């Protein structure tokens, strides 16, 4: 399971980091993370990347052995 959320905030970088989120700074590091490139997803054009962060979460899906969707 992979989740990426694009967040826009008016918090300063120090305030944002004080919350302890594991995030990717779009202004400093670009609009796509390494994990996003591996799974082929991206956020469409971001006009001004200042204040945008990508929060990522990756984990093995719960009960994936019992998921019968598509069968």
PDB file of N, CA and C in Angstrom:
ATOM      1  N   UNK A   1       0.854  -1.155   0.000  1.00  0.00           N
ATOM      2  CA  UNK A   1       0.000   0.000   0.000  1.00  0.00           C
ATOM      3  C   UNK A   1       0.911   1.232   0.000  1.00  0.00           C
ATOM      4  N   UNK A   2       0.625   2.160  -0.900  1.00  0.00           N
ATOM      5  CA  UNK A   2       1.408   3.393  -0.989  1.00  0.00           C
ATOM      6  C   UNK A   2       0.441   4.571  -1.043  1.00  0.00           C
ATOM      7  N   UNK A   3       0.698   5.567  -0.200  1.00  0.00           N
ATOM      8  CA  UNK A   3      -0.134   6.767  -0.156  1.00  0.00           C
ATOM      9  C   UNK A   3       0.781   7.979  -0.211  1.00  0.00           C
ATOM     10  N   UNK A   4       0.449   8.931  -1.079  1.00  0.00           N
ATOM     11  CA  UNK A   4       1.170  10.203  -1.142  1.00  0.00           C
ATOM     12  C   UNK A   4       0.130  11.317  -1.103  1.00  0.00           C
ATOM     13  N   UNK A   5       0.335  12.263  -0.205  1.00  0.00           N
ATOM     14  CA  UNK A   5      -0.608  13.368  -0.031  1.00  0.00           C
ATOM     15  C   UNK A   5       0.151  14.674  -0.230  1.00  0.00           C
ATOM     16  N   UNK A   6      -0.390  15.535  -1.083  1.00  0.00           N
ATOM     17  CA  UNK A   6       0.198  16.844  -1.312  1.00  0.00           C
ATOM     18  C   UNK A   6      -0.441  17.830  -0.346  1.00  0.00           C
ATOM     19  N   UNK A   7       0.389  18.507   0.440  1.00  0.00           N
ATOM     20  CA  UNK A   7      -0.093  19.427   1.468  1.00  0.00           C
ATOM     21  C   UNK A   7       0.435  20.824   1.177  1.00  0.00           C
ATOM     22  N   UNK A   8      -0.434  21.825   1.235  1.00  0.00           N
ATOM     23  CA  UNK A   8      -0.035  23.227   1.116  1.00  0.00           C
ATOM     24  C   UNK A   8      -0.194  23.848   2.498  1.00  0.00           C
ATOM     25  N   UNK A   9       0.865  24.513   2.977  1.00  0.00           N
ATOM     26  CA  UNK A   9       0.811  25.113   4.305  1.00  0.00           C
ATOM     27  C   UNK A   9       1.444  26.496   4.293  1.00  0.00           C
ATOM     28  N   UNK A  10       0.991  27.318   5.198  1.00  0.00           N
ATOM     29  CA  UNK A  10       1.587  28.642   5.374  1.00  0.00           C
ATOM     30  C   UNK A  10       2.564  28.647   6.552  1.00  0.00           C
ATOM     31  N   UNK A  11       2.764  27.477   7.172  1.00  0.00           N
ATOM     32  CA  UNK A  11       3.718  27.361   8.269  1.00  0.00           C
ATOM     33  C   UNK A  11       5.133  27.558   7.754  1.00  0.00           C
ATOM     34  N   UNK A  12       5.992  28.105   8.579  1.00  0.00           N
ATOM     35  CA  UNK A  12       7.401  28.196   8.207  1.00  0.00           C
ATOM     36  C   UNK A  12       7.988  26.790   8.204  1.00  0.00           C
ATOM     37  N   UNK A  13       9.145  26.636   7.573  1.00  0.00           N
ATOM     38  CA  UNK A  13       9.783  25.322   7.517  1.00  0.00           C
ATOM     39  C   UNK A  13      10.062  24.783   8.921  1.00  0.00           C
ATOM     40  N   UNK A  14      10.486  25.640   9.836  1.00  0.00           N
ATOM     41  CA  UNK A  14      10.762  25.215  11.213  1.00  0.00           C
ATOM     42  C   UNK A  14       9.477  24.744  11.916  1.00  0.00           C
ATOM     43  N   UNK A  15       8.382  25.502  11.736  1.00  0.00           N
ATOM     44  CA  UNK A  15       7.109  25.109  12.347  1.00  0.00           C
ATOM     45  C   UNK A  15       6.630  23.778  11.786  1.00  0.00           C
ATOM     46  N   UNK A  16       6.729  23.628  10.461  1.00  0.00           N
ATOM     47  CA  UNK A  16       6.292  22.385   9.817  1.00  0.00           C
ATOM     48  C   UNK A  16       7.086  21.200  10.366  1.00  0.00           C
ATOM     49  N   UNK A  17       8.419  21.349  10.446  1.00  0.00           N
ATOM     50  CA  UNK A  17       9.261  20.261  10.926  1.00  0.00           C
ATOM     51  C   UNK A  17       9.009  19.937  12.394  1.00  0.00           C
ATOM     52  N   UNK A  18       8.526  20.904  13.170  1.00  0.00           N
ATOM     53  CA  UNK A  18       8.260  20.657  14.588  1.00  0.00           C
ATOM     54  C   UNK A  18       7.138  19.642  14.802  1.00  0.00           C
ATOM     55  N   UNK A  19       6.283  19.431  13.794  1.00  0.00           N
ATOM     56  CA  UNK A  19       5.216  18.435  13.904  1.00  0.00           C
ATOM     57  C   UNK A  19       5.735  17.010  13.729  1.00  0.00           C
ATOM     58  N   UNK A  20       6.938  16.854  13.196  1.00  0.00           N
ATOM     59  CA  UNK A  20       7.549  15.536  13.080  1.00  0.00           C
ATOM     60  C   UNK A  20       7.088  14.704  11.902  1.00  0.00           C
ATOM     61  N   UNK A  21       6.447  15.321  10.908  1.00  0.00           N
ATOM     62  CA  UNK A  21       6.024  14.575   9.721  1.00  0.00           C
ATOM     63  C   UNK A  21       7.243  14.163   8.906  1.00  0.00           C
ATOM     64  N   UNK A  22       7.203  12.981   8.348  1.00  0.00           N
ATOM     65  CA  UNK A  22       8.193  12.582   7.362  1.00  0.00           C
ATOM     66  C   UNK A  22       7.668  13.097   6.032  1.00  0.00           C
ATOM     67  N   UNK A  23       8.296  14.140   5.524  1.00  0.00           N
ATOM     68  CA  UNK A  23       7.769  14.770   4.317  1.00  0.00           C
ATOM     69  C   UNK A  23       8.875  15.150   3.357  1.00  0.00           C
ATOM     70  N   UNK A  24       8.461  15.460   2.155  1.00  0.00           N
ATOM     71  CA  UNK A  24       9.347  15.821   1.053  1.00  0.00           C
ATOM     72  C   UNK A  24       9.014  17.262   0.676  1.00  0.00           C
ATOM     73  N   UNK A  25       9.984  18.160   0.760  1.00  0.00           N
ATOM     74  CA  UNK A  25       9.785  19.579   0.446  1.00  0.00           C
ATOM     75  C   UNK A  25       9.813  19.765  -1.068  1.00  0.00           C
ATOM     76  N   UNK A  26       8.674  20.103  -1.670  1.00  0.00           N
ATOM     77  CA  UNK A  26       8.574  20.224  -3.121  1.00  0.00           C
ATOM     78  C   UNK A  26       9.472  21.335  -3.645  1.00  0.00           C
ATOM     79  N   UNK A  27       9.558  22.452  -2.942  1.00  0.00           N
ATOM     80  CA  UNK A  27      10.388  23.573  -3.387  1.00  0.00           C
ATOM     81  C   UNK A  27      11.863  23.175  -3.464  1.00  0.00           C
ATOM     82  N   UNK A  28      12.340  22.450  -2.476  1.00  0.00           N
ATOM     83  CA  UNK A  28      13.759  22.087  -2.407  1.00  0.00           C
ATOM     84  C   UNK A  28      14.095  20.831  -3.212  1.00  0.00           C
ATOM     85  N   UNK A  29      13.142  19.887  -3.297  1.00  0.00           N
ATOM     86  CA  UNK A  29      13.476  18.568  -3.829  1.00  0.00           C
ATOM     87  C   UNK A  29      12.722  18.156  -5.082  1.00  0.00           C
ATOM     88  N   UNK A  30      11.785  18.954  -5.564  1.00  0.00           N
ATOM     89  CA  UNK A  30      11.052  18.618  -6.786  1.00  0.00           C
ATOM     90  C   UNK A  30       9.665  18.067  -6.525  1.00  0.00           C
ATOM     91  N   UNK A  31       8.892  17.923  -7.614  1.00  0.00           N
ATOM     92  CA  UNK A  31       7.485  17.542  -7.525  1.00  0.00           C
ATOM     93  C   UNK A  31       7.238  16.037  -7.438  1.00  0.00           C
ATOM     94  N   UNK A  32       8.288  15.242  -7.476  1.00  0.00           N
ATOM     95  CA  UNK A  32       8.116  13.793  -7.454  1.00  0.00           C
ATOM     96  C   UNK A  32       9.168  13.191  -6.535  1.00  0.00           C
ATOM     97  N   UNK A  33       8.770  12.242  -5.705  1.00  0.00           N
ATOM     98  CA  UNK A  33       9.716  11.554  -4.829  1.00  0.00           C
ATOM     99  C   UNK A  33      10.226  10.290  -5.516  1.00  0.00           C
ATOM    100  N   UNK A  34      11.246   9.689  -4.957  1.00  0.00           N
ATOM    101  CA  UNK A  34      11.774   8.437  -5.496  1.00  0.00           C
ATOM    102  C   UNK A  34      10.700   7.357  -5.512  1.00  0.00           C
ATOM    103  N   UNK A  35       9.956   7.237  -4.417  1.00  0.00           N
ATOM    104  CA  UNK A  35       8.901   6.221  -4.336  1.00  0.00           C
ATOM    105  C   UNK A  35       7.819   6.461  -5.373  1.00  0.00           C
ATOM    106  N   UNK A  36       7.468   7.723  -5.595  1.00  0.00           N
ATOM    107  CA  UNK A  36       6.453   8.039  -6.591  1.00  0.00           C
ATOM    108  C   UNK A  36       6.915   7.610  -7.982  1.00  0.00           C
ATOM    109  N   UNK A  37       8.186   7.806  -8.294  1.00  0.00           N
ATOM    110  CA  UNK A  37       8.684   7.405  -9.610  1.00  0.00           C
ATOM    111  C   UNK A  37       8.664   5.892  -9.771  1.00  0.00           C
ATOM    112  N   UNK A  38       8.872   5.155  -8.674  1.00  0.00           N
ATOM    113  CA  UNK A  38       8.843   3.693  -8.747  1.00  0.00           C
ATOM    114  C   UNK A  38       7.457   3.154  -9.074  1.00  0.00           C
ATOM    115  N   UNK A  39       6.420   3.781  -8.540  1.00  0.00           N
ATOM    116  CA  UNK A  39       5.060   3.302  -8.782  1.00  0.00           C
ATOM    117  C   UNK A  39       4.363   4.052  -9.914  1.00  0.00           C
ATOM    118  N   UNK A  40       5.045   5.026 -10.516  1.00  0.00           N
ATOM    119  CA  UNK A  40       4.511   5.721 -11.682  1.00  0.00           C
ATOM    120  C   UNK A  40       3.417   6.730 -11.400  1.00  0.00           C
ATOM    121  N   UNK A  41       3.468   7.377 -10.248  1.00  0.00           N
ATOM    122  CA  UNK A  41       2.476   8.406  -9.929  1.00  0.00           C
ATOM    123  C   UNK A  41       3.178   9.746  -9.732  1.00  0.00           C
ATOM    124  N   UNK A  42       2.417  10.800  -9.914  1.00  0.00           N
ATOM    125  CA  UNK A  42       2.955  12.143  -9.725  1.00  0.00           C
ATOM    126  C   UNK A  42       1.800  13.103  -9.517  1.00  0.00           C
ATOM    127  N   UNK A  43       2.098  14.263  -8.984  1.00  0.00           N
ATOM    128  CA  UNK A  43       1.108  15.315  -8.861  1.00  0.00           C
ATOM    129  C   UNK A  43       1.208  16.180 -10.104  1.00  0.00           C
ATOM    130  N   UNK A  44       0.052  16.582 -10.639  1.00  0.00           N
ATOM    131  CA  UNK A  44       0.075  17.422 -11.832  1.00  0.00           C
ATOM    132  C   UNK A  44       0.721  18.760 -11.525  1.00  0.00           C
ATOM    133  N   UNK A  45       0.901  19.551 -12.513  1.00  0.00           N
ATOM    134  CA  UNK A  45       1.657  20.802 -12.435  1.00  0.00           C
ATOM    135  C   UNK A  45       1.337  21.612 -11.167  1.00  0.00           C
ATOM    136  N   UNK A  46       2.378  21.992 -10.461  1.00  0.00           N
ATOM    137  CA  UNK A  46       2.264  22.849  -9.284  1.00  0.00           C
ATOM    138  C   UNK A  46       2.829  24.204  -9.673  1.00  0.00           C
ATOM    139  N   UNK A  47       1.979  25.244  -9.700  1.00  0.00           N
ATOM    140  CA  UNK A  47       2.406  26.567 -10.164  1.00  0.00           C
ATOM    141  C   UNK A  47       3.550  27.146  -9.347  1.00  0.00           C
ATOM    142  N   UNK A  48       3.378  27.197  -8.041  1.00  0.00           N
ATOM    143  CA  UNK A  48       4.401  27.751  -7.159  1.00  0.00           C
ATOM    144  C   UNK A  48       4.635  26.742  -6.041  1.00  0.00           C
ATOM    145  N   UNK A  49       5.756  26.015  -6.062  1.00  0.00           N
ATOM    146  CA  UNK A  49       5.963  24.925  -5.106  1.00  0.00           C
ATOM    147  C   UNK A  49       6.239  25.373  -3.670  1.00  0.00           C
ATOM    148  N   UNK A  50       6.367  26.665  -3.425  1.00  0.00           N
ATOM    149  CA  UNK A  50       6.667  27.135  -2.070  1.00  0.00           C
ATOM    150  C   UNK A  50       5.528  26.784  -1.116  1.00  0.00           C
ATOM    151  N   UNK A  51       5.861  26.155  -0.003  1.00  0.00           N
ATOM    152  CA  UNK A  51       4.870  25.782   1.001  1.00  0.00           C
ATOM    153  C   UNK A  51       4.197  24.446   0.754  1.00  0.00           C
ATOM    154  N   UNK A  52       4.588  23.734  -0.309  1.00  0.00           N
ATOM    155  CA  UNK A  52       4.026  22.414  -0.596  1.00  0.00           C
ATOM    156  C   UNK A  52       4.949  21.326  -0.073  1.00  0.00           C
ATOM    157  N   UNK A  53       4.345  20.302   0.507  1.00  0.00           N
ATOM    158  CA  UNK A  53       5.077  19.143   1.005  1.00  0.00           C
ATOM    159  C   UNK A  53       4.344  17.885   0.573  1.00  0.00           C
ATOM    160  N   UNK A  54       5.089  16.830   0.340  1.00  0.00           N
ATOM    161  CA  UNK A  54       4.496  15.536   0.018  1.00  0.00           C
ATOM    162  C   UNK A  54       4.695  14.636   1.222  1.00  0.00           C
ATOM    163  N   UNK A  55       3.590  14.194   1.780  1.00  0.00           N
ATOM    164  CA  UNK A  55       3.632  13.218   2.872  1.00  0.00           C
ATOM    165  C   UNK A  55       3.489  11.843   2.246  1.00  0.00           C
ATOM    166  N   UNK A  56       4.343  10.917   2.633  1.00  0.00           N
ATOM    167  CA  UNK A  56       4.303   9.568   2.069  1.00  0.00           C
ATOM    168  C   UNK A  56       4.111   8.531   3.163  1.00  0.00           C
ATOM    169  N   UNK A  57       3.422   7.463   2.793  1.00  0.00           N
ATOM    170  CA  UNK A  57       3.230   6.343   3.689  1.00  0.00           C
ATOM    171  C   UNK A  57       3.258   5.074   2.844  1.00  0.00           C
ATOM    172  N   UNK A  58       4.075   4.136   3.204  1.00  0.00           N
ATOM    173  CA  UNK A  58       4.151   2.862   2.482  1.00  0.00           C
ATOM    174  C   UNK A  58       4.183   1.726   3.493  1.00  0.00           C
ATOM    175  N   UNK A  59       3.369   0.724   3.237  1.00  0.00           N
ATOM    176  CA  UNK A  59       3.296  -0.425   4.137  1.00  0.00           C
ATOM    177  C   UNK A  59       2.668  -1.581   3.386  1.00  0.00           C
ATOM    178  N   UNK A  60       2.977  -2.779   3.806  1.00  0.00           N
ATOM    179  CA  UNK A  60       2.324  -3.943   3.217  1.00  0.00           C
ATOM    180  C   UNK A  60       0.837  -3.856   3.531  1.00  0.00           C
ATOM    181  N   UNK A  61       0.011  -4.057   2.543  1.00  0.00           N
ATOM    182  CA  UNK A  61      -1.435  -3.946   2.719  1.00  0.00           C
ATOM    183  C   UNK A  61      -1.921  -5.005   3.717  1.00  0.00           C
ATOM    184  N   UNK A  62      -2.810  -4.628   4.635  1.00  0.00           N
ATOM    185  CA  UNK A  62      -3.338  -5.605   5.600  1.00  0.00           C
ATOM    186  C   UNK A  62      -4.237  -6.610   4.892  1.00  0.00           C
ATOM    187  N   UNK A  63      -4.084  -7.846   5.257  1.00  0.00           N
ATOM    188  CA  UNK A  63      -4.936  -8.927   4.740  1.00  0.00           C
ATOM    189  C   UNK A  63      -4.901  -9.028   3.226  1.00  0.00           C
ATOM    190  N   UNK A  64      -3.797  -8.731   2.599  1.00  0.00           N
ATOM    191  CA  UNK A  64      -3.735  -8.775   1.140  1.00  0.00           C
ATOM    192  C   UNK A  64      -3.947 -10.178   0.602  1.00  0.00           C
ATOM    193  N   UNK A  65      -3.651 -11.204   1.383  1.00  0.00           N
ATOM    194  CA  UNK A  65      -3.877 -12.576   0.942  1.00  0.00           C
ATOM    195  C   UNK A  65      -5.353 -12.891   0.783  1.00  0.00           C
ATOM    196  N   UNK A  66      -6.189 -12.130   1.466  1.00  0.00           N
ATOM    197  CA  UNK A  66      -7.620 -12.402   1.440  1.00  0.00           C
ATOM    198  C   UNK A  66      -8.388 -11.407   0.572  1.00  0.00           C
ATOM    199  N   UNK A  67      -7.693 -10.533  -0.114  1.00  0.00           N
ATOM    200  CA  UNK A  67      -8.343  -9.538  -0.961  1.00  0.00           C
ATOM    201  C   UNK A  67      -8.809 -10.204  -2.249  1.00  0.00           C
ATOM    202  N   UNK A  68     -10.110 -10.270  -2.454  1.00  0.00           N
ATOM    203  CA  UNK A  68     -10.645 -10.973  -3.619  1.00  0.00           C
ATOM    204  C   UNK A  68     -11.171 -10.010  -4.688  1.00  0.00           C
ATOM    205  N   UNK A  69     -10.877  -8.708  -4.567  1.00  0.00           N
ATOM    206  CA  UNK A  69     -11.308  -7.782  -5.608  1.00  0.00           C
ATOM    207  C   UNK A  69     -10.655  -8.182  -6.929  1.00  0.00           C
ATOM    208  N   UNK A  70     -11.436  -8.129  -7.997  1.00  0.00           N
ATOM    209  CA  UNK A  70     -10.911  -8.457  -9.313  1.00  0.00           C
ATOM    210  C   UNK A  70     -10.923  -9.937  -9.629  1.00  0.00           C
ATOM    211  N   UNK A  71     -11.415 -10.775  -8.735  1.00  0.00           N
ATOM    212  CA  UNK A  71     -11.458 -12.216  -8.982  1.00  0.00           C
ATOM    213  C   UNK A  71     -12.850 -12.652  -9.351  1.00  0.00           C
TER     214      UNK A  71
END
